[in-house]
Amino acid sequence: MTAAAEVVARLIDTGQDSVDAGLVLATGGNLSARVPGTDTFAVTGTGCRLDRLTPSDFAVMTLDGSVLHGAEPSSEWRLHQRTYQVRPDTGAIVHVHPEYAVLVDAMGERIRQVTLDHVAYAPVVERIPFHPNGSTALADAAAAAARRADCVVLAHHGCSTLGPTPAAALRGALNLESAARYTYRMLLRGDRMTEFPVELREHAVHR
């Protein structure tokens, strides 16, 4: 199996897991990963359902935005391309539409980490204002935020999470959504204070 084929296989699994977790509906969301040993990345094609992906649903692109082969790339390909350009340490990007993360942000509230896993896998959350989907403005704003965090909330839209692998990027999205769900439930009780203690953050490490 080629490096590109291995990457695509992992993204297919991540797409199914994203839908199973309720992070995206229908043809929303898109995924990508760098192809090891190259200056290229594989990204889901336009109009794909993440729970029905096949190898033919991917485009392989260069970091300058050229399509080498495969499907027509997602309209959000710039979101992935721009982030890879500013984060050479990133191996994969998951863009999904998590309900609670978008809702809490739209309410003007900060997503708070409460559990050990929140702090370990979504320790810093940045957010950007609304930009039209697929736009250069959205891609550039998300890339700028990704310089400071692996979890970026896109206002009234979704999130972009980064990781060394597709599974790690998805884990960030899952923990971002979990933290947002906790935050929402606390807000229902009028709690705007509770979060993971600052003095304990040094103990929250990746496992």
C-alpha atoms as a PDB file:
ATOM      1  CA  MET A   1       0.000   0.000   0.000  1.00  0.00           C
ATOM      2  CA  THR A   2       1.346   3.449  -0.910  1.00  0.00           C
ATOM      3  CA  ALA A   3       1.744   6.236   1.648  1.00  0.00           C
ATOM      4  CA  ALA A   4      -1.169   8.101   0.094  1.00  0.00           C
ATOM      5  CA  ALA A   5      -3.379   5.003   0.250  1.00  0.00           C
ATOM      6  CA  GLU A   6      -2.529   4.478   3.925  1.00  0.00           C
ATOM      7  CA  VAL A   7      -3.435   8.086   4.708  1.00  0.00           C
ATOM      8  CA  VAL A   8      -6.735   7.772   2.853  1.00  0.00           C
ATOM      9  CA  ALA A   9      -7.589   4.567   4.731  1.00  0.00           C
ATOM     10  CA  ARG A  10      -7.098   6.351   8.051  1.00  0.00           C
ATOM     11  CA  LEU A  11      -9.223   9.278   6.909  1.00  0.00           C
ATOM     12  CA  ILE A  12     -12.016   6.922   5.891  1.00  0.00           C
ATOM     13  CA  ASP A  13     -12.065   5.489   9.416  1.00  0.00           C
ATOM     14  CA  THR A  14     -11.992   9.004  10.884  1.00  0.00           C
ATOM     15  CA  GLY A  15     -14.928  10.061   8.726  1.00  0.00           C
ATOM     16  CA  GLN A  16     -17.045   7.171   9.972  1.00  0.00           C
ATOM     17  CA  ASP A  17     -16.044   7.912  13.563  1.00  0.00           C
ATOM     18  CA  SER A  18     -16.934  11.597  13.138  1.00  0.00           C
ATOM     19  CA  VAL A  19     -20.443  10.764  12.000  1.00  0.00           C
ATOM     20  CA  ASP A  20     -20.902   8.059  14.641  1.00  0.00           C
ATOM     21  CA  ALA A  21     -19.982  10.647  17.291  1.00  0.00           C
ATOM     22  CA  GLY A  22     -22.571  13.092  15.972  1.00  0.00           C
ATOM     23  CA  LEU A  23     -20.007  15.736  15.020  1.00  0.00           C
ATOM     24  CA  VAL A  24     -21.332  16.216  11.503  1.00  0.00           C
ATOM     25  CA  LEU A  25     -24.480  15.616   9.437  1.00  0.00           C
ATOM     26  CA  ALA A  26     -25.058  14.689   5.797  1.00  0.00           C
ATOM     27  CA  THR A  27     -22.373  16.186   3.543  1.00  0.00           C
ATOM     28  CA  GLY A  28     -21.015  18.617   6.141  1.00  0.00           C
ATOM     29  CA  GLY A  29     -17.388  18.601   7.237  1.00  0.00           C
ATOM     30  CA  ASN A  30     -14.151  17.600   5.558  1.00  0.00           C
ATOM     31  CA  LEU A  31     -10.916  15.840   6.485  1.00  0.00           C
ATOM     32  CA  SER A  32      -7.308  15.883   5.390  1.00  0.00           C
ATOM     33  CA  ALA A  33      -3.893  14.475   6.190  1.00  0.00           C
ATOM     34  CA  ARG A  34      -0.364  14.994   4.944  1.00  0.00           C
ATOM     35  CA  VAL A  35       1.137  12.259   2.815  1.00  0.00           C
ATOM     36  CA  PRO A  36       4.362  11.262   4.645  1.00  0.00           C
ATOM     37  CA  GLY A  37       7.588  11.980   2.847  1.00  0.00           C
ATOM     38  CA  THR A  38       5.990  14.443   0.422  1.00  0.00           C
ATOM     39  CA  ASP A  39       4.806  18.043   0.260  1.00  0.00           C
ATOM     40  CA  THR A  40       1.258  16.917  -0.465  1.00  0.00           C
ATOM     41  CA  PHE A  41      -1.929  16.215   1.441  1.00  0.00           C
ATOM     42  CA  ALA A  42      -5.066  14.181   0.834  1.00  0.00           C
ATOM     43  CA  VAL A  43      -8.414  15.927   1.371  1.00  0.00           C
ATOM     44  CA  THR A  44     -12.001  14.766   1.034  1.00  0.00           C
ATOM     45  CA  GLY A  45     -13.798  15.673  -2.156  1.00  0.00           C
ATOM     46  CA  THR A  46     -16.719  18.021  -2.586  1.00  0.00           C
ATOM     47  CA  GLY A  47     -20.164  16.798  -1.570  1.00  0.00           C
ATOM     48  CA  CYS A  48     -18.947  13.677   0.255  1.00  0.00           C
ATOM     49  CA  ARG A  49     -20.648  12.101   3.225  1.00  0.00           C
ATOM     50  CA  LEU A  50     -18.007  11.336   5.816  1.00  0.00           C
ATOM     51  CA  ASP A  51     -19.614   8.010   6.723  1.00  0.00           C
ATOM     52  CA  ARG A  52     -19.590   6.761   3.124  1.00  0.00           C
ATOM     53  CA  LEU A  53     -16.082   7.625   1.998  1.00  0.00           C
ATOM     54  CA  THR A  54     -14.184   5.498  -0.495  1.00  0.00           C
ATOM     55  CA  PRO A  55     -10.651   6.012  -1.866  1.00  0.00           C
ATOM     56  CA  SER A  56     -12.134   7.694  -4.971  1.00  0.00           C
ATOM     57  CA  ASP A  57     -13.604  10.450  -2.776  1.00  0.00           C
ATOM     58  CA  PHE A  58     -10.206  12.052  -2.107  1.00  0.00           C
ATOM     59  CA  ALA A  59      -8.014  14.555  -3.879  1.00  0.00           C
ATOM     60  CA  VAL A  60      -4.248  14.699  -3.436  1.00  0.00           C
ATOM     61  CA  MET A  61      -3.002  18.293  -3.493  1.00  0.00           C
ATOM     62  CA  THR A  62       0.217  20.218  -3.167  1.00  0.00           C
ATOM     63  CA  LEU A  63       0.701  22.899  -0.538  1.00  0.00           C
ATOM     64  CA  ASP A  64       0.452  25.561  -3.242  1.00  0.00           C
ATOM     65  CA  GLY A  65      -3.103  24.428  -4.001  1.00  0.00           C
ATOM     66  CA  SER A  66      -2.589  22.329  -7.130  1.00  0.00           C
ATOM     67  CA  VAL A  67      -4.601  19.118  -7.516  1.00  0.00           C
ATOM     68  CA  LEU A  68      -2.332  16.242  -8.509  1.00  0.00           C
ATOM     69  CA  HIS A  69      -5.015  13.610  -8.889  1.00  0.00           C
ATOM     70  CA  GLY A  70      -8.306  12.334  -7.530  1.00  0.00           C
ATOM     71  CA  ALA A  71     -11.692  13.910  -6.896  1.00  0.00           C
ATOM     72  CA  GLU A  72     -12.649  17.569  -6.995  1.00  0.00           C
ATOM     73  CA  PRO A  73     -11.522  18.786  -3.551  1.00  0.00           C
ATOM     74  CA  SER A  74     -13.881  20.076  -0.905  1.00  0.00           C
ATOM     75  CA  SER A  75     -14.730  23.765  -1.145  1.00  0.00           C
ATOM     76  CA  GLU A  76     -12.895  24.087   2.184  1.00  0.00           C
ATOM     77  CA  TRP A  77      -9.564  22.854   0.792  1.00  0.00           C
ATOM     78  CA  ARG A  78      -8.001  26.256   1.507  1.00  0.00           C
ATOM     79  CA  LEU A  79      -8.824  25.838   5.197  1.00  0.00           C
ATOM     80  CA  HIS A  80      -6.584  22.778   5.230  1.00  0.00           C
ATOM     81  CA  GLN A  81      -3.905  24.129   2.880  1.00  0.00           C
ATOM     82  CA  ARG A  82      -3.394  27.409   4.746  1.00  0.00           C
ATOM     83  CA  THR A  83      -3.149  25.645   8.100  1.00  0.00           C
ATOM     84  CA  TYR A  84      -0.561  23.164   6.834  1.00  0.00           C
ATOM     85  CA  GLN A  85       1.474  26.076   5.528  1.00  0.00           C
ATOM     86  CA  VAL A  86       1.713  27.723   8.956  1.00  0.00           C
ATOM     87  CA  ARG A  87       1.823  24.505  11.025  1.00  0.00           C
ATOM     88  CA  PRO A  88       4.452  22.174   9.553  1.00  0.00           C
ATOM     89  CA  ASP A  89       4.113  20.014  12.685  1.00  0.00           C
ATOM     90  CA  THR A  90       0.498  19.161  11.865  1.00  0.00           C
ATOM     91  CA  GLY A  91      -0.191  15.832  10.199  1.00  0.00           C
ATOM     92  CA  ALA A  92      -3.983  15.933   9.936  1.00  0.00           C
ATOM     93  CA  ILE A  93      -6.937  18.308  10.160  1.00  0.00           C
ATOM     94  CA  VAL A  94     -10.541  17.519  11.027  1.00  0.00           C
ATOM     95  CA  HIS A  95     -13.211  20.079  10.131  1.00  0.00           C
ATOM     96  CA  VAL A  96     -16.618  19.183  11.557  1.00  0.00           C
ATOM     97  CA  HIS A  97     -19.734  20.957  12.860  1.00  0.00           C
ATOM     98  CA  PRO A  98     -20.056  20.098  16.573  1.00  0.00           C
ATOM     99  CA  GLU A  99     -23.405  21.235  17.977  1.00  0.00           C
ATOM    100  CA  TYR A 100     -22.446  22.386  21.466  1.00  0.00           C
ATOM    101  CA  ALA A 101     -19.159  24.031  20.509  1.00  0.00           C
ATOM    102  CA  VAL A 102     -20.919  26.175  17.902  1.00  0.00           C
ATOM    103  CA  LEU A 103     -23.854  26.895  20.233  1.00  0.00           C
ATOM    104  CA  VAL A 104     -21.790  27.969  23.242  1.00  0.00           C
ATOM    105  CA  ASP A 105     -19.638  30.193  21.050  1.00  0.00           C
ATOM    106  CA  ALA A 106     -22.739  31.750  19.442  1.00  0.00           C
ATOM    107  CA  MET A 107     -24.016  32.521  22.937  1.00  0.00           C
ATOM    108  CA  GLY A 108     -20.897  34.585  23.473  1.00  0.00           C
ATOM    109  CA  GLU A 109     -19.535  32.201  26.101  1.00  0.00           C
ATOM    110  CA  ARG A 110     -16.035  30.784  26.454  1.00  0.00           C
ATOM    111  CA  ILE A 111     -15.736  27.005  26.261  1.00  0.00           C
ATOM    112  CA  ARG A 112     -14.300  25.833  29.589  1.00  0.00           C
ATOM    113  CA  GLN A 113     -12.195  22.716  30.166  1.00  0.00           C
ATOM    114  CA  VAL A 114     -13.437  20.706  33.129  1.00  0.00           C
ATOM    115  CA  THR A 115     -11.972  17.220  32.905  1.00  0.00           C
ATOM    116  CA  LEU A 116      -8.461  15.845  32.656  1.00  0.00           C
ATOM    117  CA  ASP A 117      -9.062  14.831  29.035  1.00  0.00           C
ATOM    118  CA  HIS A 118     -10.332  18.294  28.107  1.00  0.00           C
ATOM    119  CA  VAL A 119      -7.077  19.808  29.321  1.00  0.00           C
ATOM    120  CA  ALA A 120      -4.924  17.070  27.779  1.00  0.00           C
ATOM    121  CA  TYR A 121      -6.516  17.026  24.322  1.00  0.00           C
ATOM    122  CA  ALA A 122      -8.181  20.437  23.903  1.00  0.00           C
ATOM    123  CA  PRO A 123      -6.101  22.630  26.231  1.00  0.00           C
ATOM    124  CA  VAL A 124      -6.301  25.848  24.217  1.00  0.00           C
ATOM    125  CA  VAL A 125      -9.332  26.889  22.182  1.00  0.00           C
ATOM    126  CA  GLU A 126      -9.195  29.802  19.768  1.00  0.00           C
ATOM    127  CA  ARG A 127     -12.158  31.188  17.857  1.00  0.00           C
ATOM    128  CA  ILE A 128     -12.570  33.283  14.747  1.00  0.00           C
ATOM    129  CA  PRO A 129     -15.539  35.394  13.628  1.00  0.00           C
ATOM    130  CA  PHE A 130     -17.845  34.256  10.863  1.00  0.00           C
ATOM    131  CA  HIS A 131     -16.519  34.150   7.310  1.00  0.00           C
ATOM    132  CA  PRO A 132     -18.285  32.538   4.326  1.00  0.00           C
ATOM    133  CA  ASN A 133     -17.529  28.850   3.969  1.00  0.00           C
ATOM    134  CA  GLY A 134     -14.891  28.037   1.393  1.00  0.00           C
ATOM    135  CA  SER A 135     -13.567  31.597   1.411  1.00  0.00           C
ATOM    136  CA  THR A 136      -9.952  32.679   1.531  1.00  0.00           C
ATOM    137  CA  ALA A 137     -10.862  34.929   4.473  1.00  0.00           C
ATOM    138  CA  LEU A 138     -12.029  31.904   6.471  1.00  0.00           C
ATOM    139  CA  ALA A 139      -8.931  29.885   5.579  1.00  0.00           C
ATOM    140  CA  ASP A 140      -6.547  32.701   6.479  1.00  0.00           C
ATOM    141  CA  ALA A 141      -8.280  33.494   9.772  1.00  0.00           C
ATOM    142  CA  ALA A 142      -8.347  29.832  10.791  1.00  0.00           C
ATOM    143  CA  ALA A 143      -4.672  29.411   9.914  1.00  0.00           C
ATOM    144  CA  ALA A 144      -3.745  32.464  11.978  1.00  0.00           C
ATOM    145  CA  ALA A 145      -5.643  31.060  14.966  1.00  0.00           C
ATOM    146  CA  ALA A 146      -4.029  27.650  14.452  1.00  0.00           C
ATOM    147  CA  ARG A 147      -0.648  29.220  15.123  1.00  0.00           C
ATOM    148  CA  ARG A 148      -1.793  29.476  18.761  1.00  0.00           C
ATOM    149  CA  ALA A 149      -4.038  26.438  19.227  1.00  0.00           C
ATOM    150  CA  ASP A 150      -4.904  22.995  17.899  1.00  0.00           C
ATOM    151  CA  CYS A 151      -8.653  23.646  18.369  1.00  0.00           C
ATOM    152  CA  VAL A 152     -10.248  26.517  16.468  1.00  0.00           C
ATOM    153  CA  VAL A 153     -13.957  27.333  16.636  1.00  0.00           C
ATOM    154  CA  LEU A 154     -15.344  28.880  13.449  1.00  0.00           C
ATOM    155  CA  ALA A 155     -18.215  31.136  14.518  1.00  0.00           C
ATOM    156  CA  HIS A 156     -21.691  29.980  13.406  1.00  0.00           C
ATOM    157  CA  HIS A 157     -20.050  27.202  11.406  1.00  0.00           C
ATOM    158  CA  GLY A 158     -17.966  24.499  13.078  1.00  0.00           C
ATOM    159  CA  CYS A 159     -14.445  23.796  14.214  1.00  0.00           C
ATOM    160  CA  SER A 160     -11.031  22.887  12.877  1.00  0.00           C
ATOM    161  CA  THR A 161      -8.843  20.612  14.983  1.00  0.00           C
ATOM    162  CA  LEU A 162      -5.241  19.614  14.351  1.00  0.00           C
ATOM    163  CA  GLY A 163      -3.143  16.612  15.276  1.00  0.00           C
ATOM    164  CA  PRO A 164      -0.230  14.436  14.201  1.00  0.00           C
ATOM    165  CA  THR A 165      -2.680  11.838  12.855  1.00  0.00           C
ATOM    166  CA  PRO A 166      -6.354  11.826  11.794  1.00  0.00           C
ATOM    167  CA  ALA A 167      -7.265   9.957  14.986  1.00  0.00           C
ATOM    168  CA  ALA A 168      -5.482  12.541  17.131  1.00  0.00           C
ATOM    169  CA  ALA A 169      -7.160  15.439  15.319  1.00  0.00           C
ATOM    170  CA  LEU A 170     -10.535  13.774  15.831  1.00  0.00           C
ATOM    171  CA  ARG A 171      -9.753  13.269  19.516  1.00  0.00           C
ATOM    172  CA  GLY A 172      -9.281  17.019  19.772  1.00  0.00           C
ATOM    173  CA  ALA A 173     -12.685  17.635  18.186  1.00  0.00           C
ATOM    174  CA  LEU A 174     -14.346  15.113  20.491  1.00  0.00           C
ATOM    175  CA  ASN A 175     -12.862  16.716  23.587  1.00  0.00           C
ATOM    176  CA  LEU A 176     -13.685  20.224  22.359  1.00  0.00           C
ATOM    177  CA  GLU A 177     -17.319  19.164  21.958  1.00  0.00           C
ATOM    178  CA  SER A 178     -17.316  17.441  25.351  1.00  0.00           C
ATOM    179  CA  ALA A 179     -15.955  20.595  26.997  1.00  0.00           C
ATOM    180  CA  ALA A 180     -18.619  22.669  25.238  1.00  0.00           C
ATOM    181  CA  ARG A 181     -21.340  20.284  26.426  1.00  0.00           C
ATOM    182  CA  TYR A 182     -20.093  20.581  30.007  1.00  0.00           C
ATOM    183  CA  THR A 183     -19.988  24.368  29.647  1.00  0.00           C
ATOM    184  CA  TYR A 184     -23.551  24.504  28.329  1.00  0.00           C
ATOM    185  CA  ARG A 185     -24.858  22.402  31.200  1.00  0.00           C
ATOM    186  CA  MET A 186     -23.072  24.619  33.706  1.00  0.00           C
ATOM    187  CA  LEU A 187     -24.546  27.696  32.063  1.00  0.00           C
ATOM    188  CA  LEU A 188     -28.030  26.222  32.468  1.00  0.00           C
ATOM    189  CA  ARG A 189     -27.360  26.253  36.222  1.00  0.00           C
ATOM    190  CA  GLY A 190     -26.001  29.787  36.104  1.00  0.00           C
ATOM    191  CA  ASP A 191     -22.428  28.603  36.669  1.00  0.00           C
ATOM    192  CA  ARG A 192     -19.841  30.783  34.923  1.00  0.00           C
ATOM    193  CA  MET A 193     -16.912  29.894  37.175  1.00  0.00           C
ATOM    194  CA  THR A 194     -16.269  26.146  37.294  1.00  0.00           C
ATOM    195  CA  GLU A 195     -13.353  24.806  35.256  1.00  0.00           C
ATOM    196  CA  PHE A 196     -10.260  22.640  35.621  1.00  0.00           C
ATOM    197  CA  PRO A 197      -7.984  24.130  38.321  1.00  0.00           C
ATOM    198  CA  VAL A 198      -5.039  26.039  36.880  1.00  0.00           C
ATOM    199  CA  GLU A 199      -2.675  24.597  39.474  1.00  0.00           C
ATOM    200  CA  LEU A 200      -3.468  21.041  38.332  1.00  0.00           C
ATOM    201  CA  ARG A 201      -2.917  21.568  34.611  1.00  0.00           C
ATOM    202  CA  GLU A 202       0.669  20.344  34.781  1.00  0.00           C
ATOM    203  CA  HIS A 203      -0.706  16.894  35.611  1.00  0.00           C
ATOM    204  CA  ALA A 204      -2.902  16.774  32.491  1.00  0.00           C
ATOM    205  CA  VAL A 205      -0.737  15.015  29.939  1.00  0.00           C
ATOM    206  CA  HIS A 206      -1.461  13.044  26.782  1.00  0.00           C
ATOM    207  CA  ARG A 207      -1.963   9.369  27.426  1.00  0.00           C
END
